[in-house]
């Protein structure tokens, strides 16, 4: 299950984003039959 967490401090000077997109990237890897290196690049692009 993929998810994204967004956080911000009270003064709104700092933002934090955390994403877990393993399932989405794995599905794209299977669909496109990519190599491990291409899968890593694809995952970075999708996120």
C-alpha atoms as a PDB file:
ATOM      1  CA  UNK A   1       0.000   0.000   0.000  1.00  0.00           C
ATOM      2  CA  UNK A   2       1.471   3.337  -1.059  1.00  0.00           C
ATOM      3  CA  UNK A   3       1.105   6.520   0.935  1.00  0.00           C
ATOM      4  CA  UNK A   4       2.356  10.095   1.252  1.00  0.00           C
ATOM      5  CA  UNK A   5       2.886  12.099   4.440  1.00  0.00           C
ATOM      6  CA  UNK A   6       3.068  15.901   4.370  1.00  0.00           C
ATOM      7  CA  UNK A   7       4.076  18.000   7.362  1.00  0.00           C
ATOM      8  CA  UNK A   8       4.753  21.675   8.059  1.00  0.00           C
ATOM      9  CA  UNK A   9       5.958  23.524  11.136  1.00  0.00           C
ATOM     10  CA  UNK A  10       3.741  26.109  12.837  1.00  0.00           C
ATOM     11  CA  UNK A  11       5.663  29.052  11.344  1.00  0.00           C
ATOM     12  CA  UNK A  12       5.369  27.516   7.871  1.00  0.00           C
ATOM     13  CA  UNK A  13       9.110  27.790   7.274  1.00  0.00           C
ATOM     14  CA  UNK A  14       9.792  24.073   6.950  1.00  0.00           C
ATOM     15  CA  UNK A  15       7.940  21.440   4.917  1.00  0.00           C
ATOM     16  CA  UNK A  16       8.460  17.689   4.900  1.00  0.00           C
ATOM     17  CA  UNK A  17       7.232  15.171   2.334  1.00  0.00           C
ATOM     18  CA  UNK A  18       7.638  11.416   2.703  1.00  0.00           C
ATOM     19  CA  UNK A  19       6.386   8.981   0.082  1.00  0.00           C
ATOM     20  CA  UNK A  20       6.232   5.207  -0.053  1.00  0.00           C
ATOM     21  CA  UNK A  21       5.487   4.244  -3.655  1.00  0.00           C
ATOM     22  CA  UNK A  22       6.916   0.719  -3.791  1.00  0.00           C
ATOM     23  CA  UNK A  23       3.702  -0.893  -5.032  1.00  0.00           C
ATOM     24  CA  UNK A  24       3.211   1.679  -7.791  1.00  0.00           C
ATOM     25  CA  UNK A  25       6.806   1.318  -8.989  1.00  0.00           C
ATOM     26  CA  UNK A  26       6.597  -2.492  -8.875  1.00  0.00           C
ATOM     27  CA  UNK A  27       3.446  -2.443 -10.987  1.00  0.00           C
ATOM     28  CA  UNK A  28       5.123  -0.114 -13.509  1.00  0.00           C
ATOM     29  CA  UNK A  29       8.222  -2.365 -13.536  1.00  0.00           C
ATOM     30  CA  UNK A  30       6.126  -5.446 -14.302  1.00  0.00           C
ATOM     31  CA  UNK A  31       4.089  -3.630 -16.950  1.00  0.00           C
ATOM     32  CA  UNK A  32       7.165  -2.246 -18.753  1.00  0.00           C
ATOM     33  CA  UNK A  33       9.502  -5.188 -17.944  1.00  0.00           C
ATOM     34  CA  UNK A  34      12.357  -2.848 -16.994  1.00  0.00           C
ATOM     35  CA  UNK A  35      15.856  -3.627 -15.721  1.00  0.00           C
ATOM     36  CA  UNK A  36      16.749  -2.803 -12.097  1.00  0.00           C
ATOM     37  CA  UNK A  37      18.513   0.429 -13.101  1.00  0.00           C
ATOM     38  CA  UNK A  38      15.631   1.548 -15.294  1.00  0.00           C
ATOM     39  CA  UNK A  39      13.194   0.618 -12.518  1.00  0.00           C
ATOM     40  CA  UNK A  40      15.065   2.866 -10.069  1.00  0.00           C
ATOM     41  CA  UNK A  41      14.943   5.759 -12.536  1.00  0.00           C
ATOM     42  CA  UNK A  42      11.265   5.101 -13.227  1.00  0.00           C
ATOM     43  CA  UNK A  43      10.521   5.072  -9.503  1.00  0.00           C
ATOM     44  CA  UNK A  44      12.252   8.401  -8.980  1.00  0.00           C
ATOM     45  CA  UNK A  45      10.326   9.888 -11.887  1.00  0.00           C
ATOM     46  CA  UNK A  46       6.955   8.585 -10.688  1.00  0.00           C
ATOM     47  CA  UNK A  47       7.422   9.903  -7.174  1.00  0.00           C
END
